[in-house]
C-alpha atoms as a PDB file:
ATOM      1  CA  MET A   1     -11.753  89.357 182.734  1.00  0.00           C
ATOM      2  CA  THR A   2     -12.527  87.588 179.480  1.00  0.00           C
ATOM      3  CA  THR A   3     -12.079  89.103 176.054  1.00  0.00           C
ATOM      4  CA  PRO A   4     -15.443  90.081 174.516  1.00  0.00           C
ATOM      5  CA  GLY A   5     -16.520  87.788 171.699  1.00  0.00           C
ATOM      6  CA  TYR A   6     -17.947  88.808 168.358  1.00  0.00           C
ATOM      7  CA  GLY A   7     -21.514  88.386 169.584  1.00  0.00           C
ATOM      8  CA  GLN A   8     -22.725  86.500 166.523  1.00  0.00           C
ATOM      9  CA  TYR A   9     -24.424  83.120 166.521  1.00  0.00           C
ATOM     10  CA  CYS A  10     -22.220  81.598 163.827  1.00  0.00           C
ATOM     11  CA  PRO A  11     -19.671  78.727 163.949  1.00  0.00           C
ATOM     12  CA  ILE A  12     -16.966  80.913 162.379  1.00  0.00           C
ATOM     13  CA  SER A  13     -17.589  83.629 164.945  1.00  0.00           C
ATOM     14  CA  ARG A  14     -17.430  81.112 167.798  1.00  0.00           C
ATOM     15  CA  ALA A  15     -14.180  79.639 166.432  1.00  0.00           C
ATOM     16  CA  LEU A  16     -12.629  83.106 166.198  1.00  0.00           C
ATOM     17  CA  ASP A  17     -13.648  83.788 169.784  1.00  0.00           C
ATOM     18  CA  VAL A  18     -11.203  81.005 170.704  1.00  0.00           C
ATOM     19  CA  LEU A  19      -8.516  81.341 168.029  1.00  0.00           C
ATOM     20  CA  GLY A  20      -8.808  84.792 166.518  1.00  0.00           C
ATOM     21  CA  GLU A  21      -6.627  86.703 168.959  1.00  0.00           C
ATOM     22  CA  ARG A  22      -3.000  87.652 168.387  1.00  0.00           C
ATOM     23  CA  TRP A  23      -0.480  84.778 168.736  1.00  0.00           C
ATOM     24  CA  SER A  24      -3.173  82.129 169.223  1.00  0.00           C
ATOM     25  CA  LEU A  25      -2.617  80.208 165.991  1.00  0.00           C
ATOM     26  CA  LEU A  26       1.168  80.380 166.301  1.00  0.00           C
ATOM     27  CA  ILE A  27       0.936  78.800 169.743  1.00  0.00           C
ATOM     28  CA  VAL A  28      -1.261  76.071 168.248  1.00  0.00           C
ATOM     29  CA  ARG A  29       1.288  75.663 165.427  1.00  0.00           C
ATOM     30  CA  ASP A  30       4.080  75.020 167.905  1.00  0.00           C
ATOM     31  CA  LEU A  31       1.939  72.624 169.922  1.00  0.00           C
ATOM     32  CA  PHE A  32       1.348  70.642 166.729  1.00  0.00           C
ATOM     33  CA  LEU A  33       5.085  70.549 166.069  1.00  0.00           C
ATOM     34  CA  GLY A  34       5.709  68.883 169.412  1.00  0.00           C
ATOM     35  CA  THR A  35       6.490  71.784 171.758  1.00  0.00           C
ATOM     36  CA  THR A  36       4.594  71.030 174.954  1.00  0.00           C
ATOM     37  CA  ARG A  37       6.348  72.900 177.798  1.00  0.00           C
ATOM     38  CA  PHE A  38       5.777  76.527 178.713  1.00  0.00           C
ATOM     39  CA  ASN A  39       9.439  77.583 178.592  1.00  0.00           C
ATOM     40  CA  ASP A  40       9.936  75.891 175.227  1.00  0.00           C
ATOM     41  CA  LEU A  41       6.848  77.582 173.796  1.00  0.00           C
ATOM     42  CA  ALA A  42       8.169  80.931 175.046  1.00  0.00           C
ATOM     43  CA  ARG A  43      11.583  80.274 173.517  1.00  0.00           C
ATOM     44  CA  GLY A  44      10.092  79.550 170.102  1.00  0.00           C
ATOM     45  CA  LEU A  45       7.917  82.691 170.217  1.00  0.00           C
ATOM     46  CA  PRO A  46      10.316  85.387 171.456  1.00  0.00           C
ATOM     47  CA  GLY A  47       7.993  88.279 170.532  1.00  0.00           C
ATOM     48  CA  LEU A  48       5.284  86.910 172.813  1.00  0.00           C
ATOM     49  CA  SER A  49       5.370  87.945 176.465  1.00  0.00           C
ATOM     50  CA  ARG A  50       5.244  85.150 179.022  1.00  0.00           C
ATOM     51  CA  SER A  51       2.156  86.685 180.635  1.00  0.00           C
ATOM     52  CA  LEU A  52       0.261  86.682 177.340  1.00  0.00           C
ATOM     53  CA  LEU A  53       1.409  83.132 176.593  1.00  0.00           C
ATOM     54  CA  ALA A  54       0.057  82.022 179.965  1.00  0.00           C
ATOM     55  CA  LYS A  55      -3.225  83.823 179.256  1.00  0.00           C
ATOM     56  CA  ARG A  56      -3.620  82.162 175.855  1.00  0.00           C
ATOM     57  CA  LEU A  57      -2.895  78.711 177.271  1.00  0.00           C
ATOM     58  CA  ARG A  58      -5.504  79.227 179.987  1.00  0.00           C
ATOM     59  CA  GLN A  59      -7.987  80.252 177.280  1.00  0.00           C
ATOM     60  CA  PHE A  60      -7.154  77.090 175.331  1.00  0.00           C
ATOM     61  CA  GLU A  61      -7.687  74.974 178.452  1.00  0.00           C
ATOM     62  CA  ARG A  62     -11.083  76.551 179.115  1.00  0.00           C
ATOM     63  CA  ALA A  63     -12.065  76.040 175.464  1.00  0.00           C
ATOM     64  CA  GLY A  64     -11.061  72.374 175.588  1.00  0.00           C
ATOM     65  CA  LEU A  65      -8.206  72.646 173.069  1.00  0.00           C
ATOM     66  CA  VAL A  66      -5.434  71.594 175.438  1.00  0.00           C
ATOM     67  CA  ASP A  67      -5.032  69.656 178.660  1.00  0.00           C
ATOM     68  CA  LYS A  68      -2.290  70.549 181.104  1.00  0.00           C
ATOM     69  CA  ILE A  69      -0.773  67.333 182.401  1.00  0.00           C
ATOM     70  CA  GLY A  70       2.054  67.991 184.805  1.00  0.00           C
ATOM     71  CA  SER A  71       4.250  70.585 183.115  1.00  0.00           C
ATOM     72  CA  GLU A  72       3.074  69.775 179.588  1.00  0.00           C
ATOM     73  CA  TYR A  73       0.308  71.219 177.430  1.00  0.00           C
ATOM     74  CA  LEU A  74      -1.162  68.511 175.216  1.00  0.00           C
ATOM     75  CA  LEU A  75      -3.670  69.001 172.427  1.00  0.00           C
ATOM     76  CA  THR A  76      -7.051  67.396 173.020  1.00  0.00           C
ATOM     77  CA  GLU A  77      -9.136  65.767 170.310  1.00  0.00           C
ATOM     78  CA  ALA A  78     -10.652  69.187 169.580  1.00  0.00           C
ATOM     79  CA  GLY A  79      -7.178  70.677 169.310  1.00  0.00           C
ATOM     80  CA  GLN A  80      -5.928  67.902 167.061  1.00  0.00           C
ATOM     81  CA  GLU A  81      -8.800  68.514 164.667  1.00  0.00           C
ATOM     82  CA  LEU A  82      -7.352  71.960 163.924  1.00  0.00           C
ATOM     83  CA  GLU A  83      -4.538  70.345 161.923  1.00  0.00           C
ATOM     84  CA  PRO A  84      -6.129  70.602 158.430  1.00  0.00           C
ATOM     85  CA  ILE A  85      -7.265  74.158 159.183  1.00  0.00           C
ATOM     86  CA  LEU A  86      -3.824  75.240 160.385  1.00  0.00           C
ATOM     87  CA  PHE A  87      -1.916  73.680 157.505  1.00  0.00           C
ATOM     88  CA  GLY A  88      -4.562  74.803 155.040  1.00  0.00           C
ATOM     89  CA  LEU A  89      -3.946  78.341 156.232  1.00  0.00           C
ATOM     90  CA  GLY A  90      -0.213  77.745 155.777  1.00  0.00           C
ATOM     91  CA  GLU A  91      -0.758  76.457 152.251  1.00  0.00           C
ATOM     92  CA  TRP A  92      -2.858  79.506 151.390  1.00  0.00           C
ATOM     93  CA  GLY A  93      -0.231  81.806 152.879  1.00  0.00           C
ATOM     94  CA  ALA A  94       2.543  80.084 150.911  1.00  0.00           C
ATOM     95  CA  ARG A  95       0.602  80.584 147.690  1.00  0.00           C
ATOM     96  CA  TRP A  96      -0.640  84.139 148.134  1.00  0.00           C
ATOM     97  CA  THR A  97       1.365  86.025 150.780  1.00  0.00           C
ATOM     98  CA  PHE A  98       4.807  84.429 150.959  1.00  0.00           C
ATOM     99  CA  GLY A  99       7.579  86.362 149.239  1.00  0.00           C
ATOM    100  CA  ASP A 100      11.203  87.028 150.077  1.00  0.00           C
ATOM    101  CA  PRO A 101      12.028  87.314 153.784  1.00  0.00           C
ATOM    102  CA  GLN A 102      12.126  90.704 155.434  1.00  0.00           C
ATOM    103  CA  PRO A 103      15.172  91.524 157.607  1.00  0.00           C
ATOM    104  CA  GLU A 104      13.073  91.671 160.776  1.00  0.00           C
ATOM    105  CA  GLU A 105      11.841  88.128 160.103  1.00  0.00           C
ATOM    106  CA  LEU A 106      15.329  86.589 160.056  1.00  0.00           C
ATOM    107  CA  ASP A 107      15.994  85.599 163.651  1.00  0.00           C
ATOM    108  CA  PRO A 108      18.837  83.053 163.817  1.00  0.00           C
ATOM    109  CA  ALA A 109      17.870  81.868 167.313  1.00  0.00           C
ATOM    110  CA  VAL A 110      14.290  81.121 166.239  1.00  0.00           C
ATOM    111  CA  LEU A 111      15.494  79.321 163.115  1.00  0.00           C
ATOM    112  CA  VAL A 112      17.832  77.036 165.058  1.00  0.00           C
ATOM    113  CA  TRP A 113      15.078  76.412 167.603  1.00  0.00           C
ATOM    114  CA  TRP A 114      12.721  75.362 164.812  1.00  0.00           C
ATOM    115  CA  MET A 115      15.371  73.169 163.220  1.00  0.00           C
ATOM    116  CA  HIS A 116      16.481  71.323 166.328  1.00  0.00           C
ATOM    117  CA  THR A 117      13.399  69.110 166.649  1.00  0.00           C
ATOM    118  CA  ARG A 118      13.478  68.199 162.950  1.00  0.00           C
ATOM    119  CA  LEU A 119      16.831  66.422 162.921  1.00  0.00           C
ATOM    120  CA  ASP A 120      17.360  62.714 162.404  1.00  0.00           C
ATOM    121  CA  THR A 121      20.836  61.732 163.595  1.00  0.00           C
ATOM    122  CA  SER A 122      20.010  58.034 163.861  1.00  0.00           C
ATOM    123  CA  SER A 123      22.660  57.306 161.207  1.00  0.00           C
ATOM    124  CA  PHE A 124      25.364  58.871 163.408  1.00  0.00           C
ATOM    125  CA  PRO A 125      27.334  56.698 165.851  1.00  0.00           C
ATOM    126  CA  GLY A 126      27.066  56.935 169.626  1.00  0.00           C
ATOM    127  CA  LYS A 127      24.383  58.155 172.009  1.00  0.00           C
ATOM    128  CA  ARG A 128      25.346  61.816 171.739  1.00  0.00           C
ATOM    129  CA  GLN A 129      25.602  63.880 168.547  1.00  0.00           C
ATOM    130  CA  VAL A 130      26.577  67.537 168.419  1.00  0.00           C
ATOM    131  CA  LEU A 131      25.913  69.851 165.484  1.00  0.00           C
ATOM    132  CA  ALA A 132      27.296  73.379 165.468  1.00  0.00           C
ATOM    133  CA  VAL A 133      25.444  76.083 163.536  1.00  0.00           C
ATOM    134  CA  ARG A 134      27.690  78.941 162.405  1.00  0.00           C
ATOM    135  CA  PHE A 135      26.365  81.948 160.536  1.00  0.00           C
ATOM    136  CA  SER A 136      28.622  83.839 158.158  1.00  0.00           C
ATOM    137  CA  ASP A 137      26.793  87.163 158.509  1.00  0.00           C
ATOM    138  CA  VAL A 138      26.012  87.390 162.255  1.00  0.00           C
ATOM    139  CA  PRO A 139      28.122  86.578 165.315  1.00  0.00           C
ATOM    140  CA  ASP A 140      25.540  84.232 166.839  1.00  0.00           C
ATOM    141  CA  ARG A 141      26.736  80.661 167.373  1.00  0.00           C
ATOM    142  CA  PHE A 142      24.588  77.704 168.353  1.00  0.00           C
ATOM    143  CA  TRP A 143      25.095  74.073 169.228  1.00  0.00           C
ATOM    144  CA  ILE A 144      22.423  71.406 168.868  1.00  0.00           C
ATOM    145  CA  VAL A 145      23.063  68.502 171.229  1.00  0.00           C
ATOM    146  CA  ILE A 146      21.148  65.265 170.691  1.00  0.00           C
ATOM    147  CA  GLU A 147      21.367  62.937 173.697  1.00  0.00           C
ATOM    148  CA  SER A 148      19.850  59.501 173.063  1.00  0.00           C
ATOM    149  CA  GLY A 149      17.582  61.069 170.457  1.00  0.00           C
ATOM    150  CA  VAL A 150      16.503  64.037 172.615  1.00  0.00           C
ATOM    151  CA  PRO A 151      17.643  67.396 171.132  1.00  0.00           C
ATOM    152  CA  SER A 152      18.468  70.631 172.921  1.00  0.00           C
ATOM    153  CA  VAL A 153      19.846  73.995 171.791  1.00  0.00           C
ATOM    154  CA  CYS A 154      22.807  75.735 173.431  1.00  0.00           C
ATOM    155  CA  ALA A 155      23.827  79.334 172.787  1.00  0.00           C
ATOM    156  CA  ALA A 156      27.156  78.716 174.559  1.00  0.00           C
ATOM    157  CA  ASP A 157      29.687  76.000 173.844  1.00  0.00           C
ATOM    158  CA  PRO A 158      28.497  72.904 175.749  1.00  0.00           C
ATOM    159  CA  GLY A 159      32.032  71.542 175.840  1.00  0.00           C
ATOM    160  CA  TYR A 160      31.425  68.478 173.678  1.00  0.00           C
ATOM    161  CA  SER A 161      33.287  67.674 170.476  1.00  0.00           C
ATOM    162  CA  VAL A 162      31.353  68.729 167.376  1.00  0.00           C
ATOM    163  CA  ASP A 163      30.411  66.055 164.857  1.00  0.00           C
ATOM    164  CA  VAL A 164      29.399  68.402 162.016  1.00  0.00           C
ATOM    165  CA  ALA A 165      29.260  72.169 161.649  1.00  0.00           C
ATOM    166  CA  ILE A 166      26.522  73.707 159.499  1.00  0.00           C
ATOM    167  CA  ILE A 167      27.779  76.940 157.922  1.00  0.00           C
ATOM    168  CA  SER A 168      25.511  79.388 156.107  1.00  0.00           C
ATOM    169  CA  ASP A 169      24.174  82.917 156.175  1.00  0.00           C
ATOM    170  CA  VAL A 170      20.893  83.440 158.017  1.00  0.00           C
ATOM    171  CA  SER A 171      18.750  84.158 154.945  1.00  0.00           C
ATOM    172  CA  SER A 172      20.012  81.143 153.002  1.00  0.00           C
ATOM    173  CA  LEU A 173      19.441  78.757 155.890  1.00  0.00           C
ATOM    174  CA  TYR A 174      15.886  80.075 156.262  1.00  0.00           C
ATOM    175  CA  LEU A 175      15.275  79.477 152.556  1.00  0.00           C
ATOM    176  CA  ILE A 176      16.679  75.955 152.810  1.00  0.00           C
ATOM    177  CA  TRP A 177      14.628  75.205 155.935  1.00  0.00           C
ATOM    178  CA  LEU A 178      11.451  76.329 154.175  1.00  0.00           C
ATOM    179  CA  GLY A 179      12.184  74.407 150.980  1.00  0.00           C
ATOM    180  CA  ARG A 180      12.637  77.477 148.781  1.00  0.00           C
ATOM    181  CA  LEU A 181      16.308  76.678 148.148  1.00  0.00           C
ATOM    182  CA  SER A 182      17.331  73.077 147.581  1.00  0.00           C
ATOM    183  CA  LEU A 183      20.202  71.580 149.506  1.00  0.00           C
ATOM    184  CA  ALA A 184      21.975  70.612 146.303  1.00  0.00           C
ATOM    185  CA  GLN A 185      21.803  74.148 144.946  1.00  0.00           C
ATOM    186  CA  ALA A 186      22.872  75.674 148.258  1.00  0.00           C
ATOM    187  CA  LEU A 187      25.912  73.387 148.429  1.00  0.00           C
ATOM    188  CA  ARG A 188      26.775  73.956 144.779  1.00  0.00           C
ATOM    189  CA  THR A 189      26.659  77.745 145.110  1.00  0.00           C
ATOM    190  CA  GLY A 190      28.436  77.881 148.465  1.00  0.00           C
ATOM    191  CA  ARG A 191      25.427  79.234 150.363  1.00  0.00           C
ATOM    192  CA  LEU A 192      25.675  76.233 152.679  1.00  0.00           C
ATOM    193  CA  SER A 193      28.557  74.006 153.671  1.00  0.00           C
ATOM    194  CA  PHE A 194      29.245  71.232 156.155  1.00  0.00           C
ATOM    195  CA  SER A 195      32.458  70.865 158.097  1.00  0.00           C
ATOM    196  CA  GLY A 196      33.468  67.578 159.670  1.00  0.00           C
ATOM    197  CA  PRO A 197      34.436  63.999 158.815  1.00  0.00           C
ATOM    198  CA  SER A 198      33.239  63.065 155.337  1.00  0.00           C
ATOM    199  CA  ALA A 199      31.605  59.927 156.732  1.00  0.00           C
ATOM    200  CA  LEU A 200      29.250  62.229 158.656  1.00  0.00           C
ATOM    201  CA  THR A 201      28.910  65.216 156.317  1.00  0.00           C
ATOM    202  CA  ARG A 202      27.667  63.026 153.490  1.00  0.00           C
ATOM    203  CA  ARG A 203      24.835  61.882 155.774  1.00  0.00           C
ATOM    204  CA  MET A 204      23.616  65.431 156.397  1.00  0.00           C
ATOM    205  CA  PRO A 205      20.995  65.451 153.594  1.00  0.00           C
ATOM    206  CA  SER A 206      19.130  62.735 155.517  1.00  0.00           C
ATOM    207  CA  VAL A 207      19.749  64.419 158.881  1.00  0.00           C
ATOM    208  CA  LEU A 208      18.239  67.784 157.936  1.00  0.00           C
ATOM    209  CA  ARG A 209      14.492  67.356 157.795  1.00  0.00           C
ATOM    210  CA  LEU A 210      12.789  70.575 156.852  1.00  0.00           C
ATOM    211  CA  SER A 211       9.820  72.583 158.024  1.00  0.00           C
ATOM    212  CA  PRO A 212       6.426  70.941 157.595  1.00  0.00           C
ATOM    213  CA  MET A 213       5.626  74.015 155.471  1.00  0.00           C
ATOM    214  CA  ALA A 214       8.382  73.205 152.952  1.00  0.00           C
ATOM    215  CA  PRO A 215       6.137  71.170 150.611  1.00  0.00           C
ATOM    216  CA  TYR A 216       3.807  74.170 150.311  1.00  0.00           C
ATOM    217  CA  THR A 217       6.410  76.887 149.813  1.00  0.00           C
ATOM    218  CA  ASN A 218       8.212  75.030 147.033  1.00  0.00           C
ATOM    219  CA  PRO A 219       6.805  71.587 146.176  1.00  0.00           C
ATOM    220  CA  ILE A 220       9.391  71.208 143.403  1.00  0.00           C
ATOM    221  CA  SER A 221      12.113  70.765 146.012  1.00  0.00           C
ATOM    222  CA  ALA A 222      11.360  67.072 146.301  1.00  0.00           C
ATOM    223  CA  ASP A 223      14.690  66.198 147.870  1.00  0.00           C
ATOM    224  CA  PHE A 224      13.547  67.973 151.039  1.00  0.00           C
ATOM    225  CA  ALA A 225       9.780  67.941 150.743  1.00  0.00           C
ATOM    226  CA  THR A 226       9.625  64.167 151.016  1.00  0.00           C
ATOM    227  CA  ARG A 227      11.561  64.360 154.291  1.00  0.00           C
ATOM    228  CA  ALA A 228       9.277  67.028 155.719  1.00  0.00           C
ATOM    229  CA  SER A 229       6.271  64.725 155.842  1.00  0.00           C
END
């Protein structure tokens, strides 16, 4: 069965028939950010059931927004053209609806998942780099392992030596990730710290690239916003 459309002969109505349902634009957001596999999409959207994710992806395929090639979902030309609309919506939301985070929005696993594809460890030695993420206010621990430039997230100790540990509370790391709290201020006030060899910790400002939304949520934070582009 297909979901009934709005029944109006209007381009906006037709677009909403494809994209106006719950979770649709967040799936498109993650596709734009480079998540192409079903399990990875599900991991980044933990409130979305796998059955509904599968349904939305089938709808996108039928509408010509994505092609499924092997195990990957890739945006088509039509899907790629949603970029200014999606980020325009984000810019509007940052200006008019974006205040302090609510407790239910602060999911440490989702934050680390978002962060792990936005890291640049090319200045670190070796083919494998391991960053530990330790939160001061929740027991969750995560490890981000980058093998030959390919990152993955572990919720259990992978058994490799850690290059640098990132230590913060969940709220502060969200604010840093979204550009609302500068790295310099977070370090100065103790809301963020790095643990590891100084030769590596001093490189962390160039390693941590922030959310693509950071320039919109706080454009003044130029030390991160320039890295988010």
